[in-house]
Amino acid sequence: MANTVIINGDNRKFTINPEIKRYALIDAGFIKTKRGNFMYKHPLYNDSPYNATCQLKLTINEDLDHLTMVVTDTNGLQKVNIFKNKQLAPMVELLNFILKDLEDRKIIAPC
């Protein structure tokens, strides 16, 4: 976990918004893990979430001061660069929408 993260293939940097609130995480769909961290998973799909080939995984620690953010395959084992293939433009568009929503909820902030 780090204070600033970059998604594989992207040039934008994100950090935790200093105004973050625990209830905002739960409202946004974060799930509290056994260790007290907050985890968010969202499939990046074109037509059906069941056919998604990639997903966004975001984890914020329980103290709300460190985060990880990565786009992975459906198993969550391999990092995927969705920015290098033009056929994956709808996934990039959905990712941008999700990140904008998390910014609007004051969960993450651009650096």
PDB file of N, CA and C in Angstrom:
ATOM      1  N   MET A   1       0.835  -1.183   0.000  1.00  0.00           N
ATOM      2  CA  MET A   1       0.000   0.000   0.000  1.00  0.00           C
ATOM      3  C   MET A   1       0.877   1.243   0.000  1.00  0.00           C
ATOM      4  N   ALA A   2       0.351   2.295  -0.603  1.00  0.00           N
ATOM      5  CA  ALA A   2       1.133   3.524  -0.738  1.00  0.00           C
ATOM      6  C   ALA A   2       0.230   4.731  -0.563  1.00  0.00           C
ATOM      7  N   ASN A   3       0.862   5.896  -0.467  1.00  0.00           N
ATOM      8  CA  ASN A   3       0.098   7.139  -0.380  1.00  0.00           C
ATOM      9  C   ASN A   3      -0.365   7.589  -1.754  1.00  0.00           C
ATOM     10  N   THR A   4       0.426   7.308  -2.794  1.00  0.00           N
ATOM     11  CA  THR A   4       0.118   7.698  -4.164  1.00  0.00           C
ATOM     12  C   THR A   4       0.196   6.462  -5.052  1.00  0.00           C
ATOM     13  N   VAL A   5      -0.807   6.280  -5.928  1.00  0.00           N
ATOM     14  CA  VAL A   5      -0.823   5.121  -6.812  1.00  0.00           C
ATOM     15  C   VAL A   5      -1.005   5.555  -8.260  1.00  0.00           C
ATOM     16  N   ILE A   6      -0.509   4.701  -9.156  1.00  0.00           N
ATOM     17  CA  ILE A   6      -0.682   4.873 -10.593  1.00  0.00           C
ATOM     18  C   ILE A   6      -1.197   3.548 -11.135  1.00  0.00           C
ATOM     19  N   ILE A   7      -2.263   3.588 -11.922  1.00  0.00           N
ATOM     20  CA  ILE A   7      -2.777   2.374 -12.551  1.00  0.00           C
ATOM     21  C   ILE A   7      -1.837   1.991 -13.680  1.00  0.00           C
ATOM     22  N   ASN A   8      -1.593   0.695 -13.835  1.00  0.00           N
ATOM     23  CA  ASN A   8      -0.688   0.182 -14.856  1.00  0.00           C
ATOM     24  C   ASN A   8      -1.065   0.713 -16.242  1.00  0.00           C
ATOM     25  N   GLY A   9      -0.168   1.467 -16.878  1.00  0.00           N
ATOM     26  CA  GLY A   9      -0.379   2.013 -18.218  1.00  0.00           C
ATOM     27  C   GLY A   9      -0.945   3.422 -18.238  1.00  0.00           C
ATOM     28  N   ASP A  10      -1.423   3.906 -17.115  1.00  0.00           N
ATOM     29  CA  ASP A  10      -2.001   5.247 -17.035  1.00  0.00           C
ATOM     30  C   ASP A  10      -0.935   6.215 -16.541  1.00  0.00           C
ATOM     31  N   ASN A  11      -1.088   7.495 -16.847  1.00  0.00           N
ATOM     32  CA  ASN A  11      -0.107   8.469 -16.375  1.00  0.00           C
ATOM     33  C   ASN A  11      -0.648   9.335 -15.241  1.00  0.00           C
ATOM     34  N   ARG A  12      -1.902   9.119 -14.849  1.00  0.00           N
ATOM     35  CA  ARG A  12      -2.483   9.880 -13.743  1.00  0.00           C
ATOM     36  C   ARG A  12      -2.091   9.261 -12.405  1.00  0.00           C
ATOM     37  N   LYS A  13      -1.951  10.114 -11.404  1.00  0.00           N
ATOM     38  CA  LYS A  13      -1.641   9.665 -10.051  1.00  0.00           C
ATOM     39  C   LYS A  13      -2.823   9.978  -9.153  1.00  0.00           C
ATOM     40  N   PHE A  14      -3.101   9.064  -8.226  1.00  0.00           N
ATOM     41  CA  PHE A  14      -4.197   9.256  -7.290  1.00  0.00           C
ATOM     42  C   PHE A  14      -3.713   9.040  -5.868  1.00  0.00           C
ATOM     43  N   THR A  15      -4.380   9.712  -4.948  1.00  0.00           N
ATOM     44  CA  THR A  15      -4.107   9.561  -3.529  1.00  0.00           C
ATOM     45  C   THR A  15      -5.444   9.561  -2.795  1.00  0.00           C
ATOM     46  N   ILE A  16      -5.424   9.256  -1.519  1.00  0.00           N
ATOM     47  CA  ILE A  16      -6.652   9.292  -0.724  1.00  0.00           C
ATOM     48  C   ILE A  16      -7.009  10.751  -0.446  1.00  0.00           C
ATOM     49  N   ASN A  17      -8.270  11.066  -0.617  1.00  0.00           N
ATOM     50  CA  ASN A  17      -8.743  12.418  -0.337  1.00  0.00           C
ATOM     51  C   ASN A  17      -8.651  12.670   1.168  1.00  0.00           C
ATOM     52  N   PRO A  18      -8.090  13.796   1.596  1.00  0.00           N
ATOM     53  CA  PRO A  18      -7.982  14.069   3.033  1.00  0.00           C
ATOM     54  C   PRO A  18      -9.333  14.189   3.729  1.00  0.00           C
ATOM     55  N   GLU A  19     -10.405  14.420   2.970  1.00  0.00           N
ATOM     56  CA  GLU A  19     -11.740  14.551   3.551  1.00  0.00           C
ATOM     57  C   GLU A  19     -12.522  13.239   3.550  1.00  0.00           C
ATOM     58  N   ILE A  20     -11.849  12.101   3.365  1.00  0.00           N
ATOM     59  CA  ILE A  20     -12.502  10.806   3.265  1.00  0.00           C
ATOM     60  C   ILE A  20     -13.259  10.470   4.559  1.00  0.00           C
ATOM     61  N   LYS A  21     -14.412   9.837   4.381  1.00  0.00           N
ATOM     62  CA  LYS A  21     -15.236   9.395   5.499  1.00  0.00           C
ATOM     63  C   LYS A  21     -15.542   7.907   5.328  1.00  0.00           C
ATOM     64  N   ARG A  22     -15.610   7.187   6.428  1.00  0.00           N
ATOM     65  CA  ARG A  22     -15.890   5.737   6.374  1.00  0.00           C
ATOM     66  C   ARG A  22     -17.244   5.445   5.726  1.00  0.00           C
ATOM     67  N   TYR A  23     -18.254   6.238   6.053  1.00  0.00           N
ATOM     68  CA  TYR A  23     -19.581   5.963   5.492  1.00  0.00           C
ATOM     69  C   TYR A  23     -19.601   6.177   3.978  1.00  0.00           C
ATOM     70  N   ALA A  24     -18.749   7.058   3.454  1.00  0.00           N
ATOM     71  CA  ALA A  24     -18.670   7.263   2.005  1.00  0.00           C
ATOM     72  C   ALA A  24     -18.133   6.015   1.317  1.00  0.00           C
ATOM     73  N   LEU A  25     -17.218   5.323   1.982  1.00  0.00           N
ATOM     74  CA  LEU A  25     -16.677   4.083   1.426  1.00  0.00           C
ATOM     75  C   LEU A  25     -17.780   3.029   1.309  1.00  0.00           C
ATOM     76  N   ILE A  26     -18.564   2.890   2.351  1.00  0.00           N
ATOM     77  CA  ILE A  26     -19.634   1.895   2.353  1.00  0.00           C
ATOM     78  C   ILE A  26     -20.703   2.265   1.322  1.00  0.00           C
ATOM     79  N   ASP A  27     -21.033   3.545   1.212  1.00  0.00           N
ATOM     80  CA  ASP A  27     -22.009   4.003   0.215  1.00  0.00           C
ATOM     81  C   ASP A  27     -21.525   3.736  -1.210  1.00  0.00           C
ATOM     82  N   ALA A  28     -20.210   3.810  -1.429  1.00  0.00           N
ATOM     83  CA  ALA A  28     -19.644   3.606  -2.769  1.00  0.00           C
ATOM     84  C   ALA A  28     -19.516   2.129  -3.128  1.00  0.00           C
ATOM     85  N   GLY A  29     -19.736   1.228  -2.178  1.00  0.00           N
ATOM     86  CA  GLY A  29     -19.664  -0.204  -2.471  1.00  0.00           C
ATOM     87  C   GLY A  29     -18.429  -0.896  -1.935  1.00  0.00           C
ATOM     88  N   PHE A  30     -17.663  -0.232  -1.087  1.00  0.00           N
ATOM     89  CA  PHE A  30     -16.508  -0.872  -0.465  1.00  0.00           C
ATOM     90  C   PHE A  30     -16.996  -1.878   0.574  1.00  0.00           C
ATOM     91  N   ILE A  31     -16.277  -2.967   0.709  1.00  0.00           N
ATOM     92  CA  ILE A  31     -16.598  -4.001   1.692  1.00  0.00           C
ATOM     93  C   ILE A  31     -15.469  -4.054   2.704  1.00  0.00           C
ATOM     94  N   LYS A  32     -15.817  -4.138   3.977  1.00  0.00           N
ATOM     95  CA  LYS A  32     -14.806  -4.214   5.021  1.00  0.00           C
ATOM     96  C   LYS A  32     -14.303  -5.655   5.119  1.00  0.00           C
ATOM     97  N   THR A  33     -12.967  -5.822   5.071  1.00  0.00           N
ATOM     98  CA  THR A  33     -12.369  -7.156   5.148  1.00  0.00           C
ATOM     99  C   THR A  33     -12.168  -7.564   6.600  1.00  0.00           C
ATOM    100  N   LYS A  34     -11.748  -8.808   6.812  1.00  0.00           N
ATOM    101  CA  LYS A  34     -11.497  -9.304   8.166  1.00  0.00           C
ATOM    102  C   LYS A  34     -10.407  -8.508   8.870  1.00  0.00           C
ATOM    103  N   ARG A  35      -9.462  -7.988   8.117  1.00  0.00           N
ATOM    104  CA  ARG A  35      -8.364  -7.202   8.703  1.00  0.00           C
ATOM    105  C   ARG A  35      -8.740  -5.742   8.934  1.00  0.00           C
ATOM    106  N   GLY A  36      -9.939  -5.366   8.556  1.00  0.00           N
ATOM    107  CA  GLY A  36     -10.389  -3.990   8.766  1.00  0.00           C
ATOM    108  C   GLY A  36     -10.165  -3.075   7.585  1.00  0.00           C
ATOM    109  N   ASN A  37      -9.563  -3.585   6.511  1.00  0.00           N
ATOM    110  CA  ASN A  37      -9.360  -2.780   5.309  1.00  0.00           C
ATOM    111  C   ASN A  37     -10.677  -2.659   4.542  1.00  0.00           C
ATOM    112  N   PHE A  38     -10.737  -1.701   3.635  1.00  0.00           N
ATOM    113  CA  PHE A  38     -11.907  -1.511   2.794  1.00  0.00           C
ATOM    114  C   PHE A  38     -11.533  -1.881   1.359  1.00  0.00           C
ATOM    115  N   MET A  39     -12.276  -2.842   0.764  1.00  0.00           N
ATOM    116  CA  MET A  39     -11.960  -3.336  -0.571  1.00  0.00           C
ATOM    117  C   MET A  39     -13.110  -3.030  -1.528  1.00  0.00           C
ATOM    118  N   TYR A  40     -12.726  -2.607  -2.733  1.00  0.00           N
ATOM    119  CA  TYR A  40     -13.691  -2.290  -3.784  1.00  0.00           C
ATOM    120  C   TYR A  40     -13.281  -3.058  -5.030  1.00  0.00           C
ATOM    121  N   LYS A  41     -14.225  -3.822  -5.587  1.00  0.00           N
ATOM    122  CA  LYS A  41     -14.000  -4.528  -6.849  1.00  0.00           C
ATOM    123  C   LYS A  41     -15.128  -4.164  -7.797  1.00  0.00           C
ATOM    124  N   HIS A  42     -14.757  -3.835  -9.030  1.00  0.00           N
ATOM    125  CA  HIS A  42     -15.760  -3.511 -10.027  1.00  0.00           C
ATOM    126  C   HIS A  42     -15.334  -4.085 -11.368  1.00  0.00           C
ATOM    127  N   PRO A  43     -16.177  -4.916 -11.997  1.00  0.00           N
ATOM    128  CA  PRO A  43     -15.814  -5.457 -13.312  1.00  0.00           C
ATOM    129  C   PRO A  43     -15.831  -4.355 -14.362  1.00  0.00           C
ATOM    130  N   LEU A  44     -14.869  -4.414 -15.261  1.00  0.00           N
ATOM    131  CA  LEU A  44     -14.821  -3.492 -16.400  1.00  0.00           C
ATOM    132  C   LEU A  44     -15.326  -4.271 -17.604  1.00  0.00           C
ATOM    133  N   TYR A  45     -16.559  -4.022 -17.977  1.00  0.00           N
ATOM    134  CA  TYR A  45     -17.223  -4.838 -18.988  1.00  0.00           C
ATOM    135  C   TYR A  45     -17.837  -3.965 -20.057  1.00  0.00           C
ATOM    136  N   ASN A  46     -18.107  -4.577 -21.196  1.00  0.00           N
ATOM    137  CA  ASN A  46     -18.758  -3.869 -22.286  1.00  0.00           C
ATOM    138  C   ASN A  46     -20.261  -4.104 -22.258  1.00  0.00           C
ATOM    139  N   ASP A  47     -20.672  -5.364 -22.263  1.00  0.00           N
ATOM    140  CA  ASP A  47     -22.094  -5.700 -22.345  1.00  0.00           C
ATOM    141  C   ASP A  47     -22.622  -6.312 -21.055  1.00  0.00           C
ATOM    142  N   SER A  48     -21.912  -7.267 -20.519  1.00  0.00           N
ATOM    143  CA  SER A  48     -22.388  -7.992 -19.348  1.00  0.00           C
ATOM    144  C   SER A  48     -21.273  -8.098 -18.312  1.00  0.00           C
ATOM    145  N   PRO A  49     -21.570  -7.836 -17.038  1.00  0.00           N
ATOM    146  CA  PRO A  49     -20.527  -7.969 -16.015  1.00  0.00           C
ATOM    147  C   PRO A  49     -20.065  -9.407 -15.845  1.00  0.00           C
ATOM    148  N   TYR A  50     -20.867 -10.368 -16.308  1.00  0.00           N
ATOM    149  CA  TYR A  50     -20.490 -11.778 -16.185  1.00  0.00           C
ATOM    150  C   TYR A  50     -19.453 -12.176 -17.231  1.00  0.00           C
ATOM    151  N   ASN A  51     -19.337 -11.383 -18.300  1.00  0.00           N
ATOM    152  CA  ASN A  51     -18.357 -11.653 -19.353  1.00  0.00           C
ATOM    153  C   ASN A  51     -17.143 -10.736 -19.251  1.00  0.00           C
ATOM    154  N   ALA A  52     -17.004 -10.028 -18.150  1.00  0.00           N
ATOM    155  CA  ALA A  52     -15.909  -9.068 -17.996  1.00  0.00           C
ATOM    156  C   ALA A  52     -14.566  -9.785 -18.016  1.00  0.00           C
ATOM    157  N   THR A  53     -13.618  -9.191 -18.722  1.00  0.00           N
ATOM    158  CA  THR A  53     -12.279  -9.769 -18.785  1.00  0.00           C
ATOM    159  C   THR A  53     -11.327  -9.099 -17.813  1.00  0.00           C
ATOM    160  N   CYS A  54     -11.706  -7.930 -17.287  1.00  0.00           N
ATOM    161  CA  CYS A  54     -10.858  -7.190 -16.355  1.00  0.00           C
ATOM    162  C   CYS A  54     -11.707  -6.629 -15.230  1.00  0.00           C
ATOM    163  N   GLN A  55     -11.044  -6.301 -14.130  1.00  0.00           N
ATOM    164  CA  GLN A  55     -11.744  -5.664 -13.020  1.00  0.00           C
ATOM    165  C   GLN A  55     -10.828  -4.662 -12.339  1.00  0.00           C
ATOM    166  N   LEU A  56     -11.440  -3.653 -11.755  1.00  0.00           N
ATOM    167  CA  LEU A  56     -10.713  -2.668 -10.956  1.00  0.00           C
ATOM    168  C   LEU A  56     -10.742  -3.133  -9.515  1.00  0.00           C
ATOM    169  N   LYS A  57      -9.577  -3.192  -8.883  1.00  0.00           N
ATOM    170  CA  LYS A  57      -9.479  -3.542  -7.461  1.00  0.00           C
ATOM    171  C   LYS A  57      -8.837  -2.372  -6.733  1.00  0.00           C
ATOM    172  N   LEU A  58      -9.510  -1.917  -5.695  1.00  0.00           N
ATOM    173  CA  LEU A  58      -9.020  -0.790  -4.913  1.00  0.00           C
ATOM    174  C   LEU A  58      -9.140  -1.173  -3.449  1.00  0.00           C
ATOM    175  N   THR A  59      -8.065  -1.007  -2.686  1.00  0.00           N
ATOM    176  CA  THR A  59      -8.074  -1.320  -1.260  1.00  0.00           C
ATOM    177  C   THR A  59      -7.535  -0.124  -0.485  1.00  0.00           C
ATOM    178  N   ILE A  60      -8.250   0.232   0.585  1.00  0.00           N
ATOM    179  CA  ILE A  60      -7.833   1.305   1.483  1.00  0.00           C
ATOM    180  C   ILE A  60      -7.703   0.702   2.868  1.00  0.00           C
ATOM    181  N   ASN A  61      -6.592   0.988   3.552  1.00  0.00           N
ATOM    182  CA  ASN A  61      -6.378   0.387   4.862  1.00  0.00           C
ATOM    183  C   ASN A  61      -7.332   0.976   5.897  1.00  0.00           C
ATOM    184  N   GLU A  62      -7.415   0.337   7.064  1.00  0.00           N
ATOM    185  CA  GLU A  62      -8.397   0.749   8.069  1.00  0.00           C
ATOM    186  C   GLU A  62      -8.130   2.134   8.646  1.00  0.00           C
ATOM    187  N   ASP A  63      -6.881   2.610   8.594  1.00  0.00           N
ATOM    188  CA  ASP A  63      -6.560   3.954   9.086  1.00  0.00           C
ATOM    189  C   ASP A  63      -6.845   5.039   8.044  1.00  0.00           C
ATOM    190  N   LEU A  64      -7.258   4.625   6.850  1.00  0.00           N
ATOM    191  CA  LEU A  64      -7.600   5.526   5.740  1.00  0.00           C
ATOM    192  C   LEU A  64      -6.437   6.412   5.325  1.00  0.00           C
ATOM    193  N   ASP A  65      -5.218   5.824   5.320  1.00  0.00           N
ATOM    194  CA  ASP A  65      -4.068   6.621   4.904  1.00  0.00           C
ATOM    195  C   ASP A  65      -3.208   5.950   3.830  1.00  0.00           C
ATOM    196  N   HIS A  66      -3.518   4.719   3.432  1.00  0.00           N
ATOM    197  CA  HIS A  66      -2.789   4.035   2.361  1.00  0.00           C
ATOM    198  C   HIS A  66      -3.784   3.327   1.446  1.00  0.00           C
ATOM    199  N   LEU A  67      -3.440   3.266   0.147  1.00  0.00           N
ATOM    200  CA  LEU A  67      -4.309   2.580  -0.788  1.00  0.00           C
ATOM    201  C   LEU A  67      -3.528   1.840  -1.855  1.00  0.00           C
ATOM    202  N   THR A  68      -4.204   0.885  -2.477  1.00  0.00           N
ATOM    203  CA  THR A  68      -3.704   0.208  -3.675  1.00  0.00           C
ATOM    204  C   THR A  68      -4.818   0.280  -4.712  1.00  0.00           C
ATOM    205  N   MET A  69      -4.425   0.400  -5.976  1.00  0.00           N
ATOM    206  CA  MET A  69      -5.388   0.449  -7.060  1.00  0.00           C
ATOM    207  C   MET A  69      -4.765  -0.245  -8.256  1.00  0.00           C
ATOM    208  N   VAL A  70      -5.465  -1.243  -8.800  1.00  0.00           N
ATOM    209  CA  VAL A  70      -4.916  -2.006  -9.912  1.00  0.00           C
ATOM    210  C   VAL A  70      -6.053  -2.540 -10.775  1.00  0.00           C
ATOM    211  N   VAL A  71      -5.788  -2.657 -12.079  1.00  0.00           N
ATOM    212  CA  VAL A  71      -6.702  -3.331 -12.999  1.00  0.00           C
ATOM    213  C   VAL A  71      -6.130  -4.721 -13.222  1.00  0.00           C
ATOM    214  N   THR A  72      -6.948  -5.751 -12.953  1.00  0.00           N
ATOM    215  CA  THR A  72      -6.488  -7.134 -13.052  1.00  0.00           C
ATOM    216  C   THR A  72      -7.390  -7.936 -13.983  1.00  0.00           C
ATOM    217  N   ASP A  73      -6.960  -9.168 -14.255  1.00  0.00           N
ATOM    218  CA  ASP A  73      -7.821 -10.087 -14.986  1.00  0.00           C
ATOM    219  C   ASP A  73      -8.963 -10.523 -14.065  1.00  0.00           C
ATOM    220  N   THR A  74      -9.878 -11.349 -14.562  1.00  0.00           N
ATOM    221  CA  THR A  74     -11.052 -11.722 -13.772  1.00  0.00           C
ATOM    222  C   THR A  74     -10.687 -12.510 -12.520  1.00  0.00           C
ATOM    223  N   ASN A  75      -9.564 -13.217 -12.542  1.00  0.00           N
ATOM    224  CA  ASN A  75      -9.125 -13.964 -11.359  1.00  0.00           C
ATOM    225  C   ASN A  75      -8.466 -13.071 -10.324  1.00  0.00           C
ATOM    226  N   GLY A  76      -8.046 -11.892 -10.737  1.00  0.00           N
ATOM    227  CA  GLY A  76      -7.378 -10.974  -9.828  1.00  0.00           C
ATOM    228  C   GLY A  76      -5.915 -11.288  -9.621  1.00  0.00           C
ATOM    229  N   LEU A  77      -5.340 -12.117 -10.486  1.00  0.00           N
ATOM    230  CA  LEU A  77      -3.956 -12.561 -10.298  1.00  0.00           C
ATOM    231  C   LEU A  77      -2.951 -11.802 -11.157  1.00  0.00           C
ATOM    232  N   GLN A  78      -3.355 -11.358 -12.339  1.00  0.00           N
ATOM    233  CA  GLN A  78      -2.439 -10.701 -13.266  1.00  0.00           C
ATOM    234  C   GLN A  78      -2.846  -9.251 -13.480  1.00  0.00           C
ATOM    235  N   LYS A  79      -1.875  -8.335 -13.432  1.00  0.00           N
ATOM    236  CA  LYS A  79      -2.150  -6.942 -13.774  1.00  0.00           C
ATOM    237  C   LYS A  79      -2.388  -6.843 -15.271  1.00  0.00           C
ATOM    238  N   VAL A  80      -3.313  -5.971 -15.656  1.00  0.00           N
ATOM    239  CA  VAL A  80      -3.662  -5.792 -17.061  1.00  0.00           C
ATOM    240  C   VAL A  80      -3.518  -4.314 -17.411  1.00  0.00           C
ATOM    241  N   ASN A  81      -2.911  -4.038 -18.569  1.00  0.00           N
ATOM    242  CA  ASN A  81      -2.784  -2.670 -19.071  1.00  0.00           C
ATOM    243  C   ASN A  81      -3.864  -2.465 -20.126  1.00  0.00           C
ATOM    244  N   ILE A  82      -4.967  -1.819 -19.754  1.00  0.00           N
ATOM    245  CA  ILE A  82      -6.075  -1.616 -20.692  1.00  0.00           C
ATOM    246  C   ILE A  82      -5.862  -0.387 -21.571  1.00  0.00           C
ATOM    247  N   PHE A  83      -4.799   0.351 -21.338  1.00  0.00           N
ATOM    248  CA  PHE A  83      -4.544   1.580 -22.085  1.00  0.00           C
ATOM    249  C   PHE A  83      -3.777   1.337 -23.381  1.00  0.00           C
ATOM    250  N   LYS A  84      -3.158   0.174 -23.551  1.00  0.00           N
ATOM    251  CA  LYS A  84      -2.318  -0.051 -24.726  1.00  0.00           C
ATOM    252  C   LYS A  84      -3.082  -0.626 -25.920  1.00  0.00           C
ATOM    253  N   ASN A  85      -4.333  -1.059 -25.723  1.00  0.00           N
ATOM    254  CA  ASN A  85      -5.107  -1.666 -26.797  1.00  0.00           C
ATOM    255  C   ASN A  85      -6.316  -0.787 -27.092  1.00  0.00           C
ATOM    256  N   LYS A  86      -6.444  -0.308 -28.319  1.00  0.00           N
ATOM    257  CA  LYS A  86      -7.543   0.591 -28.685  1.00  0.00           C
ATOM    258  C   LYS A  86      -8.892  -0.109 -28.640  1.00  0.00           C
ATOM    259  N   GLN A  87      -8.917  -1.432 -28.740  1.00  0.00           N
ATOM    260  CA  GLN A  87     -10.175  -2.164 -28.657  1.00  0.00           C
ATOM    261  C   GLN A  87     -10.743  -2.159 -27.240  1.00  0.00           C
ATOM    262  N   LEU A  88      -9.925  -1.825 -26.265  1.00  0.00           N
ATOM    263  CA  LEU A  88     -10.367  -1.778 -24.878  1.00  0.00           C
ATOM    264  C   LEU A  88     -10.799  -0.377 -24.452  1.00  0.00           C
ATOM    265  N   ALA A  89     -11.018   0.502 -25.419  1.00  0.00           N
ATOM    266  CA  ALA A  89     -11.435   1.879 -25.117  1.00  0.00           C
ATOM    267  C   ALA A  89     -12.708   1.947 -24.267  1.00  0.00           C
ATOM    268  N   PRO A  90     -13.711   1.063 -24.485  1.00  0.00           N
ATOM    269  CA  PRO A  90     -14.882   1.108 -23.596  1.00  0.00           C
ATOM    270  C   PRO A  90     -14.528   0.802 -22.135  1.00  0.00           C
ATOM    271  N   MET A  91     -13.542  -0.042 -21.909  1.00  0.00           N
ATOM    272  CA  MET A  91     -13.098  -0.335 -20.537  1.00  0.00           C
ATOM    273  C   MET A  91     -12.437   0.890 -19.914  1.00  0.00           C
ATOM    274  N   VAL A  92     -11.649   1.600 -20.706  1.00  0.00           N
ATOM    275  CA  VAL A  92     -10.994   2.817 -20.226  1.00  0.00           C
ATOM    276  C   VAL A  92     -12.052   3.863 -19.892  1.00  0.00           C
ATOM    277  N   GLU A  93     -13.080   3.958 -20.734  1.00  0.00           N
ATOM    278  CA  GLU A  93     -14.162   4.909 -20.488  1.00  0.00           C
ATOM    279  C   GLU A  93     -14.898   4.572 -19.187  1.00  0.00           C
ATOM    280  N   LEU A  94     -15.179   3.298 -18.955  1.00  0.00           N
ATOM    281  CA  LEU A  94     -15.839   2.880 -17.713  1.00  0.00           C
ATOM    282  C   LEU A  94     -14.932   3.128 -16.513  1.00  0.00           C
ATOM    283  N   LEU A  95     -13.637   2.857 -16.654  1.00  0.00           N
ATOM    284  CA  LEU A  95     -12.687   3.116 -15.576  1.00  0.00           C
ATOM    285  C   LEU A  95     -12.675   4.596 -15.225  1.00  0.00           C
ATOM    286  N   ASN A  96     -12.652   5.455 -16.238  1.00  0.00           N
ATOM    287  CA  ASN A  96     -12.665   6.897 -15.995  1.00  0.00           C
ATOM    288  C   ASN A  96     -13.938   7.332 -15.282  1.00  0.00           C
ATOM    289  N   PHE A  97     -15.071   6.719 -15.632  1.00  0.00           N
ATOM    290  CA  PHE A  97     -16.341   7.026 -14.974  1.00  0.00           C
ATOM    291  C   PHE A  97     -16.291   6.626 -13.492  1.00  0.00           C
ATOM    292  N   ILE A  98     -15.763   5.442 -13.200  1.00  0.00           N
ATOM    293  CA  ILE A  98     -15.659   4.968 -11.816  1.00  0.00           C
ATOM    294  C   ILE A  98     -14.733   5.869 -11.013  1.00  0.00           C
ATOM    295  N   LEU A  99     -13.579   6.207 -11.573  1.00  0.00           N
ATOM    296  CA  LEU A  99     -12.633   7.075 -10.866  1.00  0.00           C
ATOM    297  C   LEU A  99     -13.225   8.458 -10.613  1.00  0.00           C
ATOM    298  N   LYS A 100     -13.974   8.990 -11.572  1.00  0.00           N
ATOM    299  CA  LYS A 100     -14.626  10.283 -11.391  1.00  0.00           C
ATOM    300  C   LYS A 100     -15.660  10.207 -10.269  1.00  0.00           C
ATOM    301  N   ASP A 101     -16.408   9.105 -10.208  1.00  0.00           N
ATOM    302  CA  ASP A 101     -17.390   8.916  -9.141  1.00  0.00           C
ATOM    303  C   ASP A 101     -16.708   8.859  -7.773  1.00  0.00           C
ATOM    304  N   LEU A 102     -15.586   8.154  -7.686  1.00  0.00           N
ATOM    305  CA  LEU A 102     -14.855   8.075  -6.417  1.00  0.00           C
ATOM    306  C   LEU A 102     -14.268   9.435  -6.034  1.00  0.00           C
ATOM    307  N   GLU A 103     -13.883  10.228  -7.015  1.00  0.00           N
ATOM    308  CA  GLU A 103     -13.412  11.596  -6.738  1.00  0.00           C
ATOM    309  C   GLU A 103     -14.565  12.460  -6.226  1.00  0.00           C
ATOM    310  N   ASP A 104     -15.729  12.342  -6.853  1.00  0.00           N
ATOM    311  CA  ASP A 104     -16.890  13.133  -6.447  1.00  0.00           C
ATOM    312  C   ASP A 104     -17.340  12.780  -5.032  1.00  0.00           C
ATOM    313  N   ARG A 105     -17.145  11.537  -4.636  1.00  0.00           N
ATOM    314  CA  ARG A 105     -17.514  11.106  -3.283  1.00  0.00           C
ATOM    315  C   ARG A 105     -16.427  11.422  -2.258  1.00  0.00           C
ATOM    316  N   LYS A 106     -15.364  12.086  -2.692  1.00  0.00           N
ATOM    317  CA  LYS A 106     -14.228  12.489  -1.850  1.00  0.00           C
ATOM    318  C   LYS A 106     -13.544  11.282  -1.209  1.00  0.00           C
ATOM    319  N   ILE A 107     -13.369  10.221  -2.028  1.00  0.00           N
ATOM    320  CA  ILE A 107     -12.644   9.037  -1.574  1.00  0.00           C
ATOM    321  C   ILE A 107     -11.210   9.097  -2.074  1.00  0.00           C
ATOM    322  N   ILE A 108     -11.039   9.397  -3.363  1.00  0.00           N
ATOM    323  CA  ILE A 108      -9.702   9.561  -3.928  1.00  0.00           C
ATOM    324  C   ILE A 108      -9.584  10.971  -4.496  1.00  0.00           C
ATOM    325  N   ALA A 109      -8.346  11.393  -4.723  1.00  0.00           N
ATOM    326  CA  ALA A 109      -8.086  12.703  -5.310  1.00  0.00           C
ATOM    327  C   ALA A 109      -6.902  12.590  -6.265  1.00  0.00           C
ATOM    328  N   PRO A 110      -6.923  13.312  -7.385  1.00  0.00           N
ATOM    329  CA  PRO A 110      -5.778  13.304  -8.284  1.00  0.00           C
ATOM    330  C   PRO A 110      -4.610  14.057  -7.644  1.00  0.00           C
ATOM    331  N   CYS A 111      -3.405  13.650  -7.990  1.00  0.00           N
ATOM    332  CA  CYS A 111      -2.204  14.325  -7.462  1.00  0.00           C
ATOM    333  C   CYS A 111      -1.731  15.375  -8.450  1.00  0.00           C
TER     334      CYS A 111
END
